[in-house]
């Protein structure tokens, strides 16, 4: 029997399109894993009902041969991205109860590509930190420990919840933001892949700002190929962001 949470994003996409597996089953496997490992505190808000509804819709498109680029793939969304109708806290008590009436450009692009929202991942408060210990919602624990040492380790930050969720198989991939290392450092701490794209490649619209002239959204996943697939869906010109680069999105996966 295939361990669905062991599949890379690229492998799962191939199997979904071949209809060897179903998006609902893949999503449920991740929801079950999230429930088992809440002690890692990788998520601030879990969205199981939304996830299953999105997975059902993906299965219908896949059955009809109308696959979108990321159809049925369950991801974590860093809780710095505004998500319409879903609590967005930026890891802070200040934003308790804030449910945006709009969607960030990056998250909207991912949902349009067919990705499934498992929930909002933990982070240092307003992305200000490098160990994911400043979140109002508590610190995140790295899924990895030293040999013969059960002492909890930090996952890095500020995108520590996304990094821990990917490394611990609580999502197939996740979004992060990087100002001075907040994707790259936690990716290194947790043994996954992460990329901070060139500034302007991904829209900043709907992302709670830390330093607007440096902040950039990026992908976190298990392989370089998986990051490329994510980034192809996330990138692109956005007139709502004055610093967005008006450039075509290449086929990074083929490269």
C-alpha atoms as a PDB file:
ATOM      1  CA  UNK A   1       0.000   0.000   0.000  1.00  0.00           C
ATOM      2  CA  UNK A   2       1.364   3.425  -0.965  1.00  0.00           C
ATOM      3  CA  UNK A   3       2.117   5.875   1.849  1.00  0.00           C
ATOM      4  CA  UNK A   4       0.436   8.881   0.266  1.00  0.00           C
ATOM      5  CA  UNK A   5       2.312  11.383   2.433  1.00  0.00           C
ATOM      6  CA  UNK A   6       5.645   9.956   1.222  1.00  0.00           C
ATOM      7  CA  UNK A   7       5.028  11.038  -2.379  1.00  0.00           C
ATOM      8  CA  UNK A   8       6.764  14.108  -3.735  1.00  0.00           C
ATOM      9  CA  UNK A   9       4.574  16.752  -5.316  1.00  0.00           C
ATOM     10  CA  UNK A  10       5.742  15.711  -8.793  1.00  0.00           C
ATOM     11  CA  UNK A  11       5.049  12.020  -8.120  1.00  0.00           C
ATOM     12  CA  UNK A  12       1.638  12.730  -6.615  1.00  0.00           C
ATOM     13  CA  UNK A  13       0.719  14.934  -9.582  1.00  0.00           C
ATOM     14  CA  UNK A  14       1.596  12.128 -12.000  1.00  0.00           C
ATOM     15  CA  UNK A  15      -0.427   9.577 -10.018  1.00  0.00           C
ATOM     16  CA  UNK A  16      -3.402  11.920  -9.693  1.00  0.00           C
ATOM     17  CA  UNK A  17      -3.475  12.536 -13.429  1.00  0.00           C
ATOM     18  CA  UNK A  18      -3.227   8.802 -14.096  1.00  0.00           C
ATOM     19  CA  UNK A  19      -6.085   8.375 -11.554  1.00  0.00           C
ATOM     20  CA  UNK A  20      -3.984   5.891  -9.574  1.00  0.00           C
ATOM     21  CA  UNK A  21      -4.833   7.942  -6.479  1.00  0.00           C
ATOM     22  CA  UNK A  22      -7.575  10.412  -5.669  1.00  0.00           C
ATOM     23  CA  UNK A  23      -7.225  13.948  -4.365  1.00  0.00           C
ATOM     24  CA  UNK A  24      -9.668  13.321  -1.521  1.00  0.00           C
ATOM     25  CA  UNK A  25      -7.646  10.349  -0.271  1.00  0.00           C
ATOM     26  CA  UNK A  26      -4.383  12.285  -0.564  1.00  0.00           C
ATOM     27  CA  UNK A  27      -5.863  15.234   1.311  1.00  0.00           C
ATOM     28  CA  UNK A  28      -7.331  13.023   4.033  1.00  0.00           C
ATOM     29  CA  UNK A  29      -3.945  11.364   4.539  1.00  0.00           C
ATOM     30  CA  UNK A  30      -2.416  14.754   5.244  1.00  0.00           C
ATOM     31  CA  UNK A  31      -5.286  15.835   7.496  1.00  0.00           C
ATOM     32  CA  UNK A  32      -4.782  12.644   9.520  1.00  0.00           C
ATOM     33  CA  UNK A  33      -1.038  13.324   9.754  1.00  0.00           C
ATOM     34  CA  UNK A  34      -1.719  16.891  10.914  1.00  0.00           C
ATOM     35  CA  UNK A  35      -4.013  15.599  13.660  1.00  0.00           C
ATOM     36  CA  UNK A  36      -1.346  13.163  14.861  1.00  0.00           C
ATOM     37  CA  UNK A  37       1.426  15.764  15.072  1.00  0.00           C
ATOM     38  CA  UNK A  38      -0.186  18.876  16.490  1.00  0.00           C
ATOM     39  CA  UNK A  39       2.592  18.810  19.085  1.00  0.00           C
ATOM     40  CA  UNK A  40       4.915  20.264  16.419  1.00  0.00           C
ATOM     41  CA  UNK A  41       2.619  23.324  16.256  1.00  0.00           C
ATOM     42  CA  UNK A  42       3.270  23.714  12.534  1.00  0.00           C
ATOM     43  CA  UNK A  43      -0.214  25.087  11.829  1.00  0.00           C
ATOM     44  CA  UNK A  44      -2.050  27.998  13.394  1.00  0.00           C
ATOM     45  CA  UNK A  45      -5.339  27.305  11.613  1.00  0.00           C
ATOM     46  CA  UNK A  46      -6.360  23.979  10.071  1.00  0.00           C
ATOM     47  CA  UNK A  47      -9.002  24.048   7.325  1.00  0.00           C
ATOM     48  CA  UNK A  48     -10.141  20.430   6.887  1.00  0.00           C
ATOM     49  CA  UNK A  49     -13.619  21.165   5.492  1.00  0.00           C
ATOM     50  CA  UNK A  50     -12.241  23.635   2.957  1.00  0.00           C
ATOM     51  CA  UNK A  51      -9.478  21.183   2.028  1.00  0.00           C
ATOM     52  CA  UNK A  52     -11.852  18.300   1.366  1.00  0.00           C
ATOM     53  CA  UNK A  53     -14.193  20.504  -0.670  1.00  0.00           C
ATOM     54  CA  UNK A  54     -11.265  21.677  -2.803  1.00  0.00           C
ATOM     55  CA  UNK A  55     -10.075  18.071  -3.183  1.00  0.00           C
ATOM     56  CA  UNK A  56     -13.539  16.934  -4.327  1.00  0.00           C
ATOM     57  CA  UNK A  57     -13.575  19.695  -6.944  1.00  0.00           C
ATOM     58  CA  UNK A  58     -10.087  18.666  -8.094  1.00  0.00           C
ATOM     59  CA  UNK A  59     -11.171  15.038  -8.455  1.00  0.00           C
ATOM     60  CA  UNK A  60     -14.109  16.115 -10.610  1.00  0.00           C
ATOM     61  CA  UNK A  61     -11.786  18.061 -12.923  1.00  0.00           C
ATOM     62  CA  UNK A  62      -9.286  15.217 -13.055  1.00  0.00           C
ATOM     63  CA  UNK A  63     -12.045  12.699 -13.841  1.00  0.00           C
ATOM     64  CA  UNK A  64     -13.174  14.956 -16.675  1.00  0.00           C
ATOM     65  CA  UNK A  65      -9.641  15.236 -18.077  1.00  0.00           C
ATOM     66  CA  UNK A  66      -9.500  18.938 -17.239  1.00  0.00           C
ATOM     67  CA  UNK A  67      -6.484  18.903 -14.931  1.00  0.00           C
ATOM     68  CA  UNK A  68      -5.048  22.173 -13.711  1.00  0.00           C
ATOM     69  CA  UNK A  69      -1.286  22.459 -13.031  1.00  0.00           C
ATOM     70  CA  UNK A  70      -1.484  21.611  -9.305  1.00  0.00           C
ATOM     71  CA  UNK A  71      -4.870  19.904  -9.163  1.00  0.00           C
ATOM     72  CA  UNK A  72      -5.495  17.986  -5.950  1.00  0.00           C
ATOM     73  CA  UNK A  73      -2.130  18.704  -4.294  1.00  0.00           C
ATOM     74  CA  UNK A  74      -2.493  19.619  -0.585  1.00  0.00           C
ATOM     75  CA  UNK A  75      -0.313  22.518   0.560  1.00  0.00           C
ATOM     76  CA  UNK A  76       0.261  24.670   3.617  1.00  0.00           C
ATOM     77  CA  UNK A  77      -0.123  28.452   3.357  1.00  0.00           C
ATOM     78  CA  UNK A  78       2.117  30.594   5.535  1.00  0.00           C
ATOM     79  CA  UNK A  79      -0.139  32.679   7.777  1.00  0.00           C
ATOM     80  CA  UNK A  80       1.304  35.884   6.355  1.00  0.00           C
ATOM     81  CA  UNK A  81      -0.758  35.515   3.158  1.00  0.00           C
ATOM     82  CA  UNK A  82      -4.269  36.930   3.310  1.00  0.00           C
ATOM     83  CA  UNK A  83      -6.828  34.229   2.548  1.00  0.00           C
ATOM     84  CA  UNK A  84     -10.395  35.256   1.851  1.00  0.00           C
ATOM     85  CA  UNK A  85     -12.726  34.154   4.641  1.00  0.00           C
ATOM     86  CA  UNK A  86      -9.982  32.276   6.503  1.00  0.00           C
ATOM     87  CA  UNK A  87      -8.313  33.584   9.657  1.00  0.00           C
ATOM     88  CA  UNK A  88      -5.038  35.370   8.951  1.00  0.00           C
ATOM     89  CA  UNK A  89      -2.945  36.250  12.014  1.00  0.00           C
ATOM     90  CA  UNK A  90       0.669  36.832  10.887  1.00  0.00           C
ATOM     91  CA  UNK A  91       1.527  34.999  14.097  1.00  0.00           C
ATOM     92  CA  UNK A  92       0.303  37.945  16.173  1.00  0.00           C
ATOM     93  CA  UNK A  93      -2.365  38.582  18.817  1.00  0.00           C
ATOM     94  CA  UNK A  94      -2.992  41.928  17.124  1.00  0.00           C
ATOM     95  CA  UNK A  95      -4.751  40.244  14.190  1.00  0.00           C
ATOM     96  CA  UNK A  96      -6.898  37.861  16.240  1.00  0.00           C
ATOM     97  CA  UNK A  97     -10.195  37.408  14.424  1.00  0.00           C
ATOM     98  CA  UNK A  98      -9.033  38.979  11.150  1.00  0.00           C
ATOM     99  CA  UNK A  99     -10.642  37.159   8.225  1.00  0.00           C
ATOM    100  CA  UNK A 100      -9.667  39.021   5.044  1.00  0.00           C
ATOM    101  CA  UNK A 101     -12.400  39.884   2.521  1.00  0.00           C
ATOM    102  CA  UNK A 102      -9.863  39.346  -0.278  1.00  0.00           C
ATOM    103  CA  UNK A 103      -7.222  36.839  -1.398  1.00  0.00           C
ATOM    104  CA  UNK A 104      -3.504  37.489  -1.775  1.00  0.00           C
ATOM    105  CA  UNK A 105      -2.344  37.209  -5.372  1.00  0.00           C
ATOM    106  CA  UNK A 106       0.001  34.291  -4.648  1.00  0.00           C
ATOM    107  CA  UNK A 107      -2.556  32.220  -2.730  1.00  0.00           C
ATOM    108  CA  UNK A 108      -5.199  33.006  -5.354  1.00  0.00           C
ATOM    109  CA  UNK A 109      -2.882  31.792  -8.107  1.00  0.00           C
ATOM    110  CA  UNK A 110      -2.271  28.540  -6.230  1.00  0.00           C
ATOM    111  CA  UNK A 111      -5.995  27.909  -5.680  1.00  0.00           C
ATOM    112  CA  UNK A 112      -6.652  28.705  -9.364  1.00  0.00           C
ATOM    113  CA  UNK A 113      -3.969  26.120 -10.226  1.00  0.00           C
ATOM    114  CA  UNK A 114      -5.958  23.518  -8.263  1.00  0.00           C
ATOM    115  CA  UNK A 115      -3.889  23.324  -5.078  1.00  0.00           C
ATOM    116  CA  UNK A 116      -5.721  22.285  -1.899  1.00  0.00           C
ATOM    117  CA  UNK A 117      -5.523  24.433   1.253  1.00  0.00           C
ATOM    118  CA  UNK A 118      -4.758  22.327   4.340  1.00  0.00           C
ATOM    119  CA  UNK A 119      -4.407  25.361   6.587  1.00  0.00           C
ATOM    120  CA  UNK A 120      -2.310  28.343   7.634  1.00  0.00           C
ATOM    121  CA  UNK A 121       1.186  27.578   8.894  1.00  0.00           C
ATOM    122  CA  UNK A 122       2.878  29.076  11.938  1.00  0.00           C
ATOM    123  CA  UNK A 123       5.547  31.761  11.741  1.00  0.00           C
ATOM    124  CA  UNK A 124       7.496  34.256  13.814  1.00  0.00           C
ATOM    125  CA  UNK A 125       5.242  37.193  14.672  1.00  0.00           C
ATOM    126  CA  UNK A 126       4.961  39.449  11.614  1.00  0.00           C
ATOM    127  CA  UNK A 127       7.829  37.363  10.158  1.00  0.00           C
ATOM    128  CA  UNK A 128      10.249  38.961  12.619  1.00  0.00           C
ATOM    129  CA  UNK A 129      12.445  36.103  13.806  1.00  0.00           C
ATOM    130  CA  UNK A 130      14.740  33.317  12.725  1.00  0.00           C
ATOM    131  CA  UNK A 131      13.759  30.435  15.022  1.00  0.00           C
ATOM    132  CA  UNK A 132       9.929  30.467  15.009  1.00  0.00           C
ATOM    133  CA  UNK A 133       9.833  31.132  18.739  1.00  0.00           C
ATOM    134  CA  UNK A 134       8.229  34.605  18.645  1.00  0.00           C
ATOM    135  CA  UNK A 135       4.773  33.530  17.406  1.00  0.00           C
ATOM    136  CA  UNK A 136       1.872  34.472  19.665  1.00  0.00           C
ATOM    137  CA  UNK A 137       0.571  30.966  18.935  1.00  0.00           C
ATOM    138  CA  UNK A 138       3.651  29.315  20.380  1.00  0.00           C
ATOM    139  CA  UNK A 139       6.928  27.982  19.009  1.00  0.00           C
ATOM    140  CA  UNK A 140       7.228  25.420  16.229  1.00  0.00           C
ATOM    141  CA  UNK A 141       9.204  22.233  16.819  1.00  0.00           C
ATOM    142  CA  UNK A 142      11.527  20.847  14.170  1.00  0.00           C
ATOM    143  CA  UNK A 143      10.461  17.297  13.179  1.00  0.00           C
ATOM    144  CA  UNK A 144      14.149  16.338  13.220  1.00  0.00           C
ATOM    145  CA  UNK A 145      16.117  15.606  16.399  1.00  0.00           C
ATOM    146  CA  UNK A 146      19.773  14.767  16.983  1.00  0.00           C
ATOM    147  CA  UNK A 147      20.668  11.050  17.152  1.00  0.00           C
ATOM    148  CA  UNK A 148      20.091   9.707  20.678  1.00  0.00           C
ATOM    149  CA  UNK A 149      18.830  13.126  21.787  1.00  0.00           C
ATOM    150  CA  UNK A 150      15.134  13.932  22.068  1.00  0.00           C
ATOM    151  CA  UNK A 151      15.722  17.588  22.899  1.00  0.00           C
ATOM    152  CA  UNK A 152      13.395  19.675  20.705  1.00  0.00           C
ATOM    153  CA  UNK A 153      15.085  21.785  18.054  1.00  0.00           C
ATOM    154  CA  UNK A 154      13.917  24.957  16.326  1.00  0.00           C
ATOM    155  CA  UNK A 155      12.953  24.729  12.634  1.00  0.00           C
ATOM    156  CA  UNK A 156      14.359  28.144  11.784  1.00  0.00           C
ATOM    157  CA  UNK A 157      12.231  31.087  10.807  1.00  0.00           C
ATOM    158  CA  UNK A 158      10.308  33.005  10.019  1.00  0.00           C
ATOM    159  CA  UNK A 159       8.730  30.353   7.765  1.00  0.00           C
ATOM    160  CA  UNK A 160       9.315  27.656  10.388  1.00  0.00           C
ATOM    161  CA  UNK A 161       5.769  26.306  10.346  1.00  0.00           C
ATOM    162  CA  UNK A 162       5.894  25.766   6.590  1.00  0.00           C
ATOM    163  CA  UNK A 163       9.325  24.138   6.853  1.00  0.00           C
ATOM    164  CA  UNK A 164       8.262  21.817   9.673  1.00  0.00           C
ATOM    165  CA  UNK A 165       5.041  20.891   7.865  1.00  0.00           C
ATOM    166  CA  UNK A 166       6.899  19.942   4.678  1.00  0.00           C
ATOM    167  CA  UNK A 167       9.685  18.089   6.507  1.00  0.00           C
ATOM    168  CA  UNK A 168       7.236  16.285   8.789  1.00  0.00           C
ATOM    169  CA  UNK A 169       4.944  15.296   5.906  1.00  0.00           C
ATOM    170  CA  UNK A 170       2.069  17.439   7.113  1.00  0.00           C
ATOM    171  CA  UNK A 171       1.724  18.942   3.609  1.00  0.00           C
ATOM    172  CA  UNK A 172       3.189  18.158   0.219  1.00  0.00           C
ATOM    173  CA  UNK A 173       4.585  21.683  -0.189  1.00  0.00           C
ATOM    174  CA  UNK A 174       4.088  25.112   1.326  1.00  0.00           C
ATOM    175  CA  UNK A 175       4.513  28.806   0.755  1.00  0.00           C
ATOM    176  CA  UNK A 176       7.012  30.948   2.600  1.00  0.00           C
ATOM    177  CA  UNK A 177       8.250  34.513   2.549  1.00  0.00           C
ATOM    178  CA  UNK A 178      11.880  35.583   2.642  1.00  0.00           C
ATOM    179  CA  UNK A 179      13.197  38.985   3.656  1.00  0.00           C
ATOM    180  CA  UNK A 180      16.694  38.107   4.845  1.00  0.00           C
ATOM    181  CA  UNK A 181      16.638  34.319   4.815  1.00  0.00           C
ATOM    182  CA  UNK A 182      13.184  33.342   6.095  1.00  0.00           C
ATOM    183  CA  UNK A 183      12.695  30.618   3.456  1.00  0.00           C
ATOM    184  CA  UNK A 184      16.287  29.529   2.909  1.00  0.00           C
ATOM    185  CA  UNK A 185      17.312  29.208   6.561  1.00  0.00           C
ATOM    186  CA  UNK A 186      14.343  27.105   7.786  1.00  0.00           C
ATOM    187  CA  UNK A 187      14.610  24.947   4.661  1.00  0.00           C
ATOM    188  CA  UNK A 188      18.218  24.229   5.634  1.00  0.00           C
ATOM    189  CA  UNK A 189      17.302  23.601   9.287  1.00  0.00           C
ATOM    190  CA  UNK A 190      14.666  21.014   8.324  1.00  0.00           C
ATOM    191  CA  UNK A 191      16.376  19.342   5.360  1.00  0.00           C
ATOM    192  CA  UNK A 192      13.995  20.454   2.624  1.00  0.00           C
ATOM    193  CA  UNK A 193      14.259  22.667  -0.468  1.00  0.00           C
ATOM    194  CA  UNK A 194      13.321  26.321  -0.441  1.00  0.00           C
ATOM    195  CA  UNK A 195      13.725  29.160  -2.900  1.00  0.00           C
ATOM    196  CA  UNK A 196      13.570  32.931  -2.578  1.00  0.00           C
ATOM    197  CA  UNK A 197      12.817  34.073  -6.131  1.00  0.00           C
ATOM    198  CA  UNK A 198      14.183  37.266  -7.630  1.00  0.00           C
ATOM    199  CA  UNK A 199      12.392  40.277  -6.151  1.00  0.00           C
ATOM    200  CA  UNK A 200       9.330  41.069  -8.232  1.00  0.00           C
ATOM    201  CA  UNK A 201       8.799  37.560  -9.575  1.00  0.00           C
ATOM    202  CA  UNK A 202       5.939  36.897  -7.125  1.00  0.00           C
ATOM    203  CA  UNK A 203       3.383  39.523  -6.208  1.00  0.00           C
ATOM    204  CA  UNK A 204       3.453  40.954  -2.692  1.00  0.00           C
ATOM    205  CA  UNK A 205      -0.221  41.949  -2.884  1.00  0.00           C
ATOM    206  CA  UNK A 206      -2.094  40.573   0.123  1.00  0.00           C
ATOM    207  CA  UNK A 207       1.044  39.587   2.060  1.00  0.00           C
ATOM    208  CA  UNK A 208       1.405  41.208   5.480  1.00  0.00           C
ATOM    209  CA  UNK A 209       4.577  43.266   5.058  1.00  0.00           C
ATOM    210  CA  UNK A 210       7.768  43.087   7.084  1.00  0.00           C
ATOM    211  CA  UNK A 211      10.127  45.068   4.814  1.00  0.00           C
ATOM    212  CA  UNK A 212       8.400  45.807   1.525  1.00  0.00           C
ATOM    213  CA  UNK A 213      11.590  46.493  -0.405  1.00  0.00           C
ATOM    214  CA  UNK A 214      12.969  43.046   0.507  1.00  0.00           C
ATOM    215  CA  UNK A 215       9.991  40.714   1.136  1.00  0.00           C
ATOM    216  CA  UNK A 216       9.453  38.034  -1.489  1.00  0.00           C
ATOM    217  CA  UNK A 217       7.146  35.026  -1.579  1.00  0.00           C
ATOM    218  CA  UNK A 218       8.654  31.670  -2.460  1.00  0.00           C
ATOM    219  CA  UNK A 219       8.169  27.926  -2.425  1.00  0.00           C
ATOM    220  CA  UNK A 220       9.128  25.258   0.108  1.00  0.00           C
ATOM    221  CA  UNK A 221       8.993  21.581  -0.846  1.00  0.00           C
ATOM    222  CA  UNK A 222      10.903  18.289  -0.724  1.00  0.00           C
ATOM    223  CA  UNK A 223      12.718  18.571  -4.049  1.00  0.00           C
ATOM    224  CA  UNK A 224      13.959  21.226  -6.450  1.00  0.00           C
ATOM    225  CA  UNK A 225      11.462  19.949  -9.039  1.00  0.00           C
ATOM    226  CA  UNK A 226       8.608  20.389  -6.565  1.00  0.00           C
ATOM    227  CA  UNK A 227       9.707  23.967  -5.842  1.00  0.00           C
ATOM    228  CA  UNK A 228       9.792  24.667  -9.582  1.00  0.00           C
ATOM    229  CA  UNK A 229       6.235  23.377 -10.009  1.00  0.00           C
ATOM    230  CA  UNK A 230       5.041  25.543  -7.133  1.00  0.00           C
ATOM    231  CA  UNK A 231       6.867  28.615  -8.366  1.00  0.00           C
ATOM    232  CA  UNK A 232       5.431  28.309 -11.874  1.00  0.00           C
ATOM    233  CA  UNK A 233       1.964  28.689 -10.353  1.00  0.00           C
ATOM    234  CA  UNK A 234       2.951  31.442  -7.888  1.00  0.00           C
ATOM    235  CA  UNK A 235       4.927  33.768 -10.167  1.00  0.00           C
ATOM    236  CA  UNK A 236       3.695  36.295 -12.689  1.00  0.00           C
ATOM    237  CA  UNK A 237       3.031  39.978 -13.211  1.00  0.00           C
ATOM    238  CA  UNK A 238       0.440  41.622 -10.975  1.00  0.00           C
ATOM    239  CA  UNK A 239      -0.760  45.203 -11.610  1.00  0.00           C
ATOM    240  CA  UNK A 240      -1.795  45.377  -7.942  1.00  0.00           C
ATOM    241  CA  UNK A 241       1.897  45.300  -6.940  1.00  0.00           C
ATOM    242  CA  UNK A 242       3.916  48.302  -8.137  1.00  0.00           C
ATOM    243  CA  UNK A 243       7.150  46.313  -7.820  1.00  0.00           C
ATOM    244  CA  UNK A 244       5.909  43.281  -9.758  1.00  0.00           C
ATOM    245  CA  UNK A 245       8.159  42.343 -12.683  1.00  0.00           C
ATOM    246  CA  UNK A 246       6.383  42.302 -16.053  1.00  0.00           C
ATOM    247  CA  UNK A 247       8.159  39.176 -17.295  1.00  0.00           C
ATOM    248  CA  UNK A 248       6.985  35.868 -18.724  1.00  0.00           C
ATOM    249  CA  UNK A 249       7.076  32.878 -16.369  1.00  0.00           C
ATOM    250  CA  UNK A 250       9.494  30.281 -17.793  1.00  0.00           C
ATOM    251  CA  UNK A 251       9.046  26.521 -17.702  1.00  0.00           C
ATOM    252  CA  UNK A 252      11.359  26.057 -14.724  1.00  0.00           C
ATOM    253  CA  UNK A 253      10.423  22.392 -14.360  1.00  0.00           C
ATOM    254  CA  UNK A 254      11.670  21.560 -17.851  1.00  0.00           C
ATOM    255  CA  UNK A 255      14.936  23.393 -17.133  1.00  0.00           C
END
